[in-house]
């Protein structure tokens, strides 16, 4: 009877040890899976943050483009601002979209205004002998997008 009791005790101990080992392995597997899920969540959150910033930039691009195509006065103000930054007016040339050229001429007396269809509506490029100021909408938005990307 002692042998039967001893065998039963050994069987129960072996069963308990096996259960504990299996439970430990299961905990390790669950912990590994949880860690992988958390890494995936963090990666997705970062991707969503970048995507949200890119969507915001695209929305801004579209709103600004629409606003600028509706207002020649915006071009006039932009040209005036750029001209104010230029200390010498000799040799200054302004490239503006043909639809915006008259607005540029109105504020850029003494400067040559070139109708340039490659310049987007609402933007301009001002050049002189020693400088170039690129105020095209696409260039400004690209700078904004780059600044946002560097800031992340």
Protein backbone atom coordinates (compact mmCIF):
# COMPACT_ATOMS: atom_id res chain seq x y z
CA UNK A 1 0.00 0.00 0.00
CA UNK A 2 2.90 2.23 0.72
CA UNK A 3 4.15 1.72 -2.79
CA UNK A 4 0.74 2.63 -4.22
CA UNK A 5 0.57 5.74 -2.04
CA UNK A 6 4.12 6.68 -3.01
CA UNK A 7 3.35 6.17 -6.70
CA UNK A 8 0.22 8.29 -6.35
CA UNK A 9 2.21 11.03 -4.63
CA UNK A 10 4.88 10.90 -7.32
CA UNK A 11 2.23 11.01 -10.06
CA UNK A 12 0.55 14.02 -8.45
CA UNK A 13 3.93 15.74 -8.01
CA UNK A 14 4.86 15.03 -11.64
CA UNK A 15 1.45 16.31 -12.77
CA UNK A 16 1.89 19.49 -10.66
CA UNK A 17 5.41 20.01 -12.03
CA UNK A 18 4.19 19.49 -15.61
CA UNK A 19 1.28 21.87 -15.04
CA UNK A 20 3.62 24.54 -13.56
CA UNK A 21 6.06 24.15 -16.47
CA UNK A 22 3.25 24.36 -19.03
CA UNK A 23 1.80 27.40 -17.27
CA UNK A 24 5.22 29.10 -17.29
CA UNK A 25 5.65 28.40 -21.03
CA UNK A 26 2.17 29.74 -21.72
CA UNK A 27 2.93 32.91 -19.73
CA UNK A 28 6.17 33.40 -21.70
CA UNK A 29 4.34 32.91 -25.02
CA UNK A 30 1.57 35.33 -24.03
CA UNK A 31 4.15 37.89 -22.86
CA UNK A 32 5.99 37.58 -26.20
CA UNK A 33 2.78 37.95 -28.18
CA UNK A 34 1.73 40.93 -26.08
CA UNK A 35 5.12 42.60 -26.64
CA UNK A 36 4.80 42.02 -30.39
CA UNK A 37 1.29 43.48 -30.38
CA UNK A 38 2.48 46.54 -28.44
CA UNK A 39 5.33 47.09 -30.92
CA UNK A 40 2.86 46.79 -33.80
CA UNK A 41 0.51 49.25 -32.09
CA UNK A 42 3.33 51.76 -31.62
CA UNK A 43 4.40 51.36 -35.23
CA UNK A 44 0.84 51.88 -36.44
CA UNK A 45 0.41 54.93 -34.19
CA UNK A 46 3.58 56.48 -35.62
CA UNK A 47 2.45 55.73 -39.18
CA UNK A 48 -0.95 57.26 -38.46
CA UNK A 49 0.69 60.38 -37.01
CA UNK A 50 2.81 60.82 -40.15
CA UNK A 51 -0.18 60.11 -42.37
CA UNK A 52 -2.32 62.62 -40.45
CA UNK A 53 0.38 65.28 -40.91
CA UNK A 54 0.57 64.53 -44.63
CA UNK A 55 -3.22 64.73 -44.94
CA UNK A 56 -3.20 68.07 -43.11
CA UNK A 57 -0.53 69.38 -45.48
CA UNK A 58 -2.54 68.24 -48.50
CA UNK A 59 -5.67 69.93 -47.13
CA UNK A 60 -3.67 73.12 -46.56
CA UNK A 61 -2.25 72.89 -50.09
CA UNK A 62 -5.72 72.62 -51.59
CA UNK A 63 -7.21 75.40 -49.47
CA UNK A 64 -4.30 77.73 -50.17
CA UNK A 65 -4.34 76.95 -53.89
CA UNK A 66 -8.07 77.66 -54.10
CA UNK A 67 -7.72 80.87 -52.10
CA UNK A 68 -4.83 82.11 -54.18
CA UNK A 69 -6.49 81.41 -57.51
CA UNK A 70 -9.43 83.52 -56.38
CA UNK A 71 -7.44 86.53 -55.24
CA UNK A 72 -4.98 88.48 -57.40
CA UNK A 73 -4.57 90.88 -54.47
CA UNK A 74 -2.74 88.11 -52.62
CA UNK A 75 -0.12 88.03 -55.36
CA UNK A 76 0.22 91.79 -55.20
CA UNK A 77 0.81 91.65 -51.45
CA UNK A 78 3.32 88.82 -51.83
CA UNK A 79 5.27 90.65 -54.52
CA UNK A 80 5.28 93.85 -52.45
CA UNK A 81 6.61 91.93 -49.45
CA UNK A 82 9.39 90.32 -51.48
CA UNK A 83 10.34 93.62 -53.06
CA UNK A 84 10.55 95.23 -49.61
CA UNK A 85 13.13 92.59 -48.68
CA UNK A 86 15.25 93.48 -51.69
CA UNK A 87 17.43 96.50 -50.93
CA UNK A 88 18.52 97.14 -54.47
CA UNK A 89 15.91 97.16 -57.22
CA UNK A 90 18.34 97.20 -60.15
CA UNK A 91 18.03 94.07 -62.21
CA UNK A 92 15.04 92.71 -60.31
CA UNK A 93 12.92 90.36 -62.37
CA UNK A 94 9.61 88.91 -61.24
CA UNK A 95 8.24 85.73 -62.77
CA UNK A 96 4.48 85.39 -62.22
CA UNK A 97 1.69 83.36 -63.75
CA UNK A 98 0.19 85.25 -66.74
CA UNK A 99 -3.12 85.65 -64.86
CA UNK A 100 -1.24 87.29 -61.96
CA UNK A 101 1.24 89.40 -63.97
CA UNK A 102 -0.84 92.60 -63.93
CA UNK A 103 -1.16 92.43 -60.15
CA UNK A 104 2.61 92.03 -59.90
CA UNK A 105 3.20 94.98 -62.24
CA UNK A 106 0.91 97.15 -60.12
CA UNK A 107 3.23 96.92 -57.13
CA UNK A 108 6.60 96.38 -58.79
CA UNK A 109 7.30 99.64 -60.55
CA UNK A 110 10.80 99.62 -62.00
CA UNK A 111 10.98 95.83 -62.07
CA UNK A 112 10.64 93.60 -65.08
CA UNK A 113 7.62 91.30 -64.78
CA UNK A 114 7.81 88.11 -66.84
CA UNK A 115 4.65 86.16 -67.57
CA UNK A 116 5.66 82.61 -66.79
CA UNK A 117 3.06 79.84 -67.03
CA UNK A 118 5.35 77.48 -65.11
CA UNK A 119 4.76 79.57 -61.98
CA UNK A 120 1.59 78.53 -60.16
CA UNK A 121 -1.26 80.96 -59.68
CA UNK A 122 -0.73 82.91 -56.50
CA UNK A 123 3.05 82.55 -56.42
CA UNK A 124 6.08 84.24 -57.91
CA UNK A 125 9.84 84.02 -58.25
CA UNK A 126 11.86 87.20 -57.75
CA UNK A 127 15.46 87.27 -58.95
CA UNK A 128 18.23 89.78 -58.98
CA UNK A 129 21.92 89.74 -59.73
CA UNK A 130 22.83 88.11 -56.43
CA UNK A 131 19.65 86.50 -55.15
CA UNK A 132 16.61 84.43 -55.93
CA UNK A 133 13.45 84.44 -53.80
CA UNK A 134 11.13 81.55 -54.64
CA UNK A 135 7.63 82.27 -53.35
CA UNK A 136 5.76 79.73 -55.44
CA UNK A 137 2.96 78.05 -53.51
CA UNK A 138 4.32 74.58 -54.16
CA UNK A 139 7.78 75.57 -52.90
CA UNK A 140 6.40 77.10 -49.73
CA UNK A 141 4.20 74.07 -49.03
CA UNK A 142 7.13 71.72 -49.71
CA UNK A 143 9.18 73.66 -47.15
CA UNK A 144 6.31 73.37 -44.67
CA UNK A 145 5.98 69.63 -45.31
CA UNK A 146 9.73 69.15 -44.84
CA UNK A 147 9.65 71.11 -41.58
CA UNK A 148 6.77 68.95 -40.32
CA UNK A 149 8.59 65.75 -41.29
CA UNK A 150 11.79 66.88 -39.56
CA UNK A 151 9.78 67.78 -36.46
CA UNK A 152 8.43 64.29 -35.93
